[in-house]
C-alpha cells in the first residue's frame, strides 16, 4: 500500500509517519508543493500515484485565522480543494483531517457525525469549507474530525502547561470550554485502522471529555506539581477568536464501522507524559 501524507512535518504528521512505518509512505511538505497551487499539487500527486492520501496539512492558528481569514480560507479551504481535485484525477481516496471547531458549541451532548455544523470562528469556517470541497469533489473520501490535539512535536497545551507549572507559582485556566483531549499518536493509530473501511465522515478523539482547567489539573497531577491552578472563565482571556463552549465529538461512526474507540484521554495523557 502506498500512502501520501501532506503536513508530514506537523505534530500529527510525525506520529502518522511512526504508525505507518511499514507501508510505502510518501511524505509531503511545503518544499514539495504549496497546497494553494493546484498545478503543483496535481503534478506531484499524478507522479506519485498513491493508493490513499492523508491530508493533514493545515493552517491551525485559530486566532491568526480570525485576524487573517483569507489565509485560513486559502490553505484550509482552497488548499483542500486542490488536494481533492488532484486525488480524484488519479482515483486516489483522500482522508481529510478536520476539526471540532466546525460546531458552535451549543450542544449538551457529544456531537454526532450527522449533526449540523455552525462554526463560531473563521478557523472553524475554513475547516468546514475544506469539508465541503472534499464531499462535493469526490465520492472516495474520509472526513475525520478530531479535537484538542497534542503530541511530541510542535506547540501544544500539554507542553505549555508543563512549562508554566515549572515557571510560576499559580496559573489561571479556563473552565467553561469542554472538549476531548486527543493524543496525536492515538489518532494516527485510528487513521491506520480506518483506511480501507467504508467512506464517510468520522469523529475520532480519545474517549471522554473535560474542561481545559480539568485537563491542566490532570497534567499537574501526573507530573507531580503542587502549584495552584485557578479555574477561570473565557471572558478573562480576551482573544480574537471565539471558542465553542462544548465541542465534544461522539465517535459514533467509528463504532458503527466496527472499530474500537481510542483509549480514555487520561490514559493517553499519562502515556504521552511518560515518554
Protein backbone atom coordinates (compact mmCIF):
# COMPACT_ATOMS: atom_id res chain seq x y z
CA UNK A 1 0.00 0.00 0.00
CA UNK A 2 1.29 3.43 -0.98
CA UNK A 3 0.09 6.32 1.21
CA UNK A 4 0.84 10.00 0.65
CA UNK A 5 0.85 12.39 3.61
CA UNK A 6 0.64 16.17 3.50
CA UNK A 7 1.74 18.10 6.57
CA UNK A 8 4.42 15.49 7.28
CA UNK A 9 6.44 17.89 9.43
CA UNK A 10 3.50 18.75 11.69
CA UNK A 11 2.55 17.37 15.10
CA UNK A 12 0.09 14.82 13.70
CA UNK A 13 2.18 14.16 10.63
CA UNK A 14 5.17 12.97 12.66
CA UNK A 15 3.06 10.42 14.53
CA UNK A 16 1.44 9.24 11.30
CA UNK A 17 4.95 8.57 10.00
CA UNK A 18 5.63 6.37 13.04
CA UNK A 19 2.36 4.44 12.78
CA UNK A 20 2.59 3.96 9.00
CA UNK A 21 6.28 2.99 9.10
CA UNK A 22 5.64 -0.39 7.48
CA UNK A 23 3.92 0.98 4.35
CA UNK A 24 5.26 2.85 1.34
CA UNK A 25 4.77 6.34 2.77
CA UNK A 26 5.24 9.44 0.62
CA UNK A 27 5.85 12.39 2.93
CA UNK A 28 4.86 15.79 1.55
CA UNK A 29 5.85 19.17 2.96
CA UNK A 30 5.83 22.72 1.61
CA UNK A 31 9.16 22.13 -0.13
CA UNK A 32 7.38 19.65 -2.41
CA UNK A 33 4.49 21.95 -3.34
CA UNK A 34 2.22 24.61 -1.88
CA UNK A 35 -1.31 23.27 -1.33
CA UNK A 36 -2.63 26.60 -2.64
CA UNK A 37 -1.05 25.77 -6.03
CA UNK A 38 -3.43 23.48 -7.92
CA UNK A 39 -0.96 22.75 -10.73
CA UNK A 40 1.80 21.90 -8.26
CA UNK A 41 -0.45 19.61 -6.23
CA UNK A 42 -1.81 17.89 -9.34
CA UNK A 43 1.63 17.35 -10.83
CA UNK A 44 3.11 15.86 -7.66
CA UNK A 45 0.19 13.54 -6.95
CA UNK A 46 -0.04 12.48 -10.59
CA UNK A 47 3.61 11.47 -10.43
CA UNK A 48 3.35 9.72 -7.06
CA UNK A 49 0.04 7.93 -7.74
CA UNK A 50 -0.66 6.92 -4.12
CA UNK A 51 -3.35 4.43 -3.11
CA UNK A 52 -4.53 6.83 -0.38
CA UNK A 53 -3.69 10.38 0.63
CA UNK A 54 -3.93 11.73 4.19
CA UNK A 55 -4.36 15.49 4.08
CA UNK A 56 -3.04 16.70 7.43
CA UNK A 57 -1.53 19.98 6.21
CA UNK A 58 -3.45 22.96 7.58
CA UNK A 59 -3.30 26.48 8.92
CA UNK A 60 -4.13 25.77 12.58
CA UNK A 61 -3.69 29.19 14.21
CA UNK A 62 -7.22 29.86 15.50
CA UNK A 63 -6.63 33.48 16.47
CA UNK A 64 -4.48 34.05 13.39
CA UNK A 65 -7.37 32.83 11.25
CA UNK A 66 -9.64 35.42 12.84
CA UNK A 67 -7.17 38.20 12.06
CA UNK A 68 -6.36 36.97 8.54
CA UNK A 69 -9.33 34.84 7.42
CA UNK A 70 -8.27 34.78 3.77
CA UNK A 71 -5.09 32.90 4.71
CA UNK A 72 -7.21 30.30 6.51
CA UNK A 73 -9.63 30.03 3.58
CA UNK A 74 -6.75 29.72 1.13
CA UNK A 75 -4.91 26.95 2.98
CA UNK A 76 -7.75 25.05 4.68
CA UNK A 77 -10.38 25.67 2.02
CA UNK A 78 -8.87 26.04 -1.43
CA UNK A 79 -5.80 24.02 -0.48
CA UNK A 80 -8.07 21.12 0.42
CA UNK A 81 -9.97 21.63 -2.83
CA UNK A 82 -6.71 21.38 -4.76
CA UNK A 83 -5.62 18.21 -2.98
CA UNK A 84 -9.03 16.63 -3.54
CA UNK A 85 -9.10 17.52 -7.25
CA UNK A 86 -5.58 16.13 -7.69
CA UNK A 87 -6.53 12.88 -5.92
CA UNK A 88 -9.76 12.50 -7.88
CA UNK A 89 -7.84 12.83 -11.14
CA UNK A 90 -5.80 9.70 -10.32
CA UNK A 91 -8.57 7.79 -8.50
CA UNK A 92 -6.97 8.18 -5.08
CA UNK A 93 -9.20 8.35 -1.97
CA UNK A 94 -8.49 11.32 0.29
CA UNK A 95 -8.58 11.39 4.09
CA UNK A 96 -9.06 14.96 5.31
CA UNK A 97 -8.32 15.97 8.90
CA UNK A 98 -11.00 18.38 10.10
CA UNK A 99 -11.91 19.88 13.46
CA UNK A 100 -14.40 20.01 16.32
CA UNK A 101 -14.49 23.77 15.68
CA UNK A 102 -16.92 23.25 12.81
CA UNK A 103 -19.59 23.15 15.57
CA UNK A 104 -20.92 26.12 17.54
CA UNK A 105 -20.61 24.56 21.00
CA UNK A 106 -24.27 24.95 21.97
CA UNK A 107 -24.91 21.20 22.33
CA UNK A 108 -25.34 19.47 25.68
CA UNK A 109 -24.25 16.05 24.49
CA UNK A 110 -21.44 14.92 22.16
CA UNK A 111 -21.83 15.88 18.52
CA UNK A 112 -22.53 13.05 16.10
CA UNK A 113 -21.17 12.99 12.57
CA UNK A 114 -24.52 14.00 11.09
CA UNK A 115 -25.14 17.00 13.37
CA UNK A 116 -25.31 20.34 11.58
CA UNK A 117 -22.03 22.32 11.59
CA UNK A 118 -22.21 26.01 12.55
CA UNK A 119 -18.73 27.46 13.19
CA UNK A 120 -18.36 30.42 15.55
CA UNK A 121 -14.93 31.47 14.27
CA UNK A 122 -13.08 31.82 10.97
CA UNK A 123 -10.83 28.83 11.62
CA UNK A 124 -13.85 26.56 12.02
CA UNK A 125 -15.39 28.07 8.91
CA UNK A 126 -12.23 27.41 6.90
CA UNK A 127 -12.17 23.75 8.01
CA UNK A 128 -15.84 23.39 7.12
CA UNK A 129 -15.09 24.89 3.71
CA UNK A 130 -12.48 22.17 3.27
CA UNK A 131 -15.02 19.50 4.24
CA UNK A 132 -17.48 20.75 1.67
CA UNK A 133 -14.91 20.76 -1.10
CA UNK A 134 -13.94 17.19 -0.25
CA UNK A 135 -17.52 15.91 -0.15
CA UNK A 136 -18.52 17.68 -3.37
CA UNK A 137 -15.47 16.81 -5.48
CA UNK A 138 -15.05 13.10 -4.81
CA UNK A 139 -17.03 10.07 -3.65
CA UNK A 140 -13.88 8.43 -2.26
CA UNK A 141 -13.28 10.30 0.98
CA UNK A 142 -12.88 10.11 4.71
CA UNK A 143 -13.52 13.33 6.64
CA UNK A 144 -12.07 12.88 10.12
CA UNK A 145 -12.98 15.46 12.75
CA UNK A 146 -10.80 15.50 15.84
CA UNK A 147 -10.14 17.83 18.77
CA UNK A 148 -7.66 19.34 21.23
CA UNK A 149 -4.60 17.68 19.69
CA UNK A 150 -1.29 17.33 21.49
CA UNK A 151 1.78 15.31 20.62
CA UNK A 152 5.54 15.16 20.57
CA UNK A 153 6.26 17.87 18.03
CA UNK A 154 5.06 21.44 17.88
CA UNK A 155 3.36 23.80 20.30
CA UNK A 156 0.59 22.15 22.32
CA UNK A 157 -1.41 22.70 25.51
CA UNK A 158 0.26 19.90 27.49
CA UNK A 159 3.76 21.22 26.96
CA UNK A 160 2.66 24.82 27.59
CA UNK A 161 1.01 23.92 30.91
CA UNK A 162 4.02 21.81 31.92
CA UNK A 163 6.32 24.76 31.28
CA UNK A 164 4.08 27.25 33.12
CA UNK A 165 3.84 24.95 36.14
CA UNK A 166 7.62 24.91 36.37
CA UNK A 167 7.92 28.70 36.00
CA UNK A 168 5.02 30.14 38.02
CA UNK A 169 3.54 29.77 41.49
CA UNK A 170 -0.01 29.67 40.09
CA UNK A 171 -1.76 29.71 36.73
CA UNK A 172 -5.29 30.53 35.53
CA UNK A 173 -7.01 28.13 33.12
CA UNK A 174 -10.48 28.43 31.61
CA UNK A 175 -13.10 26.06 32.98
CA UNK A 176 -16.00 26.89 30.63
CA UNK A 177 -14.73 25.21 27.44
CA UNK A 178 -15.20 21.45 27.25
CA UNK A 179 -13.73 19.01 24.74
CA UNK A 180 -11.83 15.76 24.30
CA UNK A 181 -8.02 15.96 24.53
CA UNK A 182 -6.55 13.75 21.80
CA UNK A 183 -3.03 12.32 21.62
CA UNK A 184 -1.82 12.52 18.02
CA UNK A 185 -0.28 9.04 18.23
CA UNK A 186 -3.66 7.54 19.17
CA UNK A 187 -5.32 9.44 16.34
CA UNK A 188 -2.71 8.13 13.89
CA UNK A 189 -3.41 4.55 15.02
CA UNK A 190 -7.12 5.00 14.37
CA UNK A 191 -6.44 6.55 10.94
CA UNK A 192 -4.47 3.43 10.07
CA UNK A 193 -7.42 1.25 11.12
CA UNK A 194 -9.91 3.42 9.22
CA UNK A 195 -8.16 3.36 5.84
CA UNK A 196 -9.82 0.71 3.69
CA UNK A 197 -13.09 0.84 5.63
CA UNK A 198 -16.28 2.50 4.42
CA UNK A 199 -16.05 6.08 3.23
CA UNK A 200 -17.74 8.94 5.06
CA UNK A 201 -17.38 11.36 7.96
CA UNK A 202 -15.91 10.13 11.24
CA UNK A 203 -15.23 11.65 14.64
CA UNK A 204 -12.01 10.36 16.22
CA UNK A 205 -10.85 11.54 19.64
CA UNK A 206 -9.65 9.98 22.84
CA UNK A 207 -12.58 8.81 24.96
CA UNK A 208 -14.44 11.03 27.45
CA UNK A 209 -14.04 14.78 27.93
CA UNK A 210 -13.03 17.58 30.29
CA UNK A 211 -12.55 21.33 30.52
CA UNK A 212 -9.20 22.97 29.85
CA UNK A 213 -8.93 23.51 33.63
CA UNK A 214 -9.53 19.81 34.34
CA UNK A 215 -7.02 18.95 31.64
CA UNK A 216 -4.42 21.18 33.31
CA UNK A 217 -5.13 19.69 36.75
CA UNK A 218 -4.55 16.19 35.36
CA UNK A 219 -1.27 17.29 33.76
CA UNK A 220 -0.09 18.69 37.10
CA UNK A 221 -1.16 15.51 38.91
CA UNK A 222 0.76 13.23 36.55
CA UNK A 223 3.87 15.42 36.66
CA UNK A 224 3.75 15.74 40.45
CA UNK A 225 3.34 19.53 40.53
CA UNK A 226 1.61 21.09 43.54
CA UNK A 227 1.29 24.58 42.06
CA UNK A 228 -2.09 26.28 42.34
CA UNK A 229 -4.30 26.10 39.24
CA UNK A 230 -7.20 28.54 39.29
CA UNK A 231 -10.38 27.91 37.26
CA UNK A 232 -11.48 30.98 35.34
CA UNK A 233 -13.80 31.99 32.51
CA UNK A 234 -13.20 32.67 28.84
CA UNK A 235 -14.13 36.30 29.46
CA UNK A 236 -10.91 36.72 31.44
CA UNK A 237 -8.85 35.84 28.36
CA UNK A 238 -9.58 38.31 25.58
CA UNK A 239 -8.70 36.60 22.29
CA UNK A 240 -9.56 37.45 18.68
CA UNK A 241 -11.46 34.22 18.02
CA UNK A 242 -14.43 32.92 19.98
CA UNK A 243 -14.16 29.28 21.05
CA UNK A 244 -17.11 26.85 21.24
CA UNK A 245 -18.09 26.17 24.84
CA UNK A 246 -18.77 22.47 24.24
CA UNK A 247 -17.09 20.72 21.32
CA UNK A 248 -17.11 17.09 22.44
CA UNK A 249 -17.31 14.70 19.49
CA UNK A 250 -19.19 11.42 19.69
CA UNK A 251 -17.24 8.64 17.96
CA UNK A 252 -20.45 7.06 16.67
CA UNK A 253 -19.46 6.19 13.11
CA UNK A 254 -16.23 4.59 14.31
CA UNK A 255 -18.22 2.18 16.48
CA UNK A 256 -20.79 1.52 13.75
CA UNK A 257 -17.94 0.64 11.41
CA UNK A 258 -16.82 -1.97 13.94
CA UNK A 259 -13.73 -0.12 15.18
CA UNK A 260 -12.94 0.36 18.86
CA UNK A 261 -12.82 3.95 20.12
CA UNK A 262 -9.46 5.28 21.27
CA UNK A 263 -8.49 4.90 24.93
CA UNK A 264 -9.53 7.32 27.69
CA UNK A 265 -7.89 10.73 27.46
CA UNK A 266 -6.33 10.36 30.93
CA UNK A 267 -4.62 7.11 29.95
CA UNK A 268 -3.35 8.66 26.73
CA UNK A 269 -2.06 11.73 28.57
CA UNK A 270 -0.17 9.60 31.11
CA UNK A 271 1.42 7.70 28.24
CA UNK A 272 2.47 10.90 26.48
CA UNK A 273 3.99 12.42 29.63
CA UNK A 274 5.93 9.22 30.37
CA UNK A 275 7.73 9.30 27.00
